[in-house]
Amino acid sequence: MTAVESGVLVVDKPAGWTSHQVVGRCRRLLGTRKVGHAGTLDPMATGVLLVGVNRATRLLGHLMLTEKEYAATIRLGESTVTDDAEGEGTARPGCGPLEHSVLEQAMQPFRGEIQQVPTAVSAIKIDGKRAYARMRAGEEVELRARPVTVSEFALLGSETAESDGVPVLDLRVRVRCSSGTYIRALARDLGAALGCGGHLTALRRTRVGPFALDRAQVVDHGTDEVSLIGIDEVAAECFPTLELDQAQARAISYGQKLSGVRLDALTAMMHDGKFLALYAADETEPAGAKAEAVFC
């Protein structure tokens, strides 16, 4: 790549890599420091990670506010301190085969608009310090429940297994949810509801907004080249668009408000196919729009 553009890389993150390591590898491949990611994936997780380059890094915070989809495996019969397979076990009561109807009934309360307590090893800040850092320091971590939306929590199948002599039940599930939803917390809470404990043993993010695995590229130590989706295309795919005339485009370049423009949602303002800014409805003016972020 001779000139580094502004755009988004749809990465299929490999297992064992942190999201920050992926960013570091992209920086070296592209020769620019202006690289960031949206929506952290844990090291054990794989799948879609959106990486922004140059001007598109400022777009990432807006891209995070979208629906995500996951394929996951939940192990019933064991609990861990991290609610996933990387943490130390806390309880191992075991779990035998369960009827599909029993599992469906237990999963139902975790669908729709719910209140979810994030996992204690999350990156959420408590008095300026990450929850996982406090936990590693031996502090008690208590997080408040937060509203999230689980559009789909589907049971795809179940298999009995054994873990160090303890019978367990592995559930294959698909989850569609809002940003801020913890799949590990779903595993934890489902296990608690069934009285046997639960944790996540596998997680693969299959989609973030319109970007699915079929558009993702692996970025690892063997990667020599990556390809960007340009910022104009990203904006057009992720937001409603409004084509502007030249006078409006000039006003936007100065971050000015627009009169006579009604917007129902955060909108990508375009001129001659070029993405200029994100605008939202101006609450102070019945038919007006104001700048949320200017990119031109």
Foldseek 3Di string as FASTA:
>chain_A
DPDDAWFKAWAFEDAQDWQVVLQVLVCVLRVHPQKDWADTDDNRATATIIMTGDLCSVVRVVLQFFKWKKKFKKKAQWAFLQLEPVGHTDGGRADDDDDPVVLVVLLVQVAAWDWFFDRQLAQDDDVRHGSVVCVVVVHDGGGGTDIWHWHDWAFPDKDWDADPRGIIIMTIIMIMIGRPDDVSRSSQSSNVSVPRGMGTYYMYIADRQPDGPVRHYHRDPPDNHGDGDHPLVVQVRRFAEDEDDPVVLVCVQVQHKAFQADDPDFYFYDYPSDTFFTWDDDPVHPHMIGGPGTRD
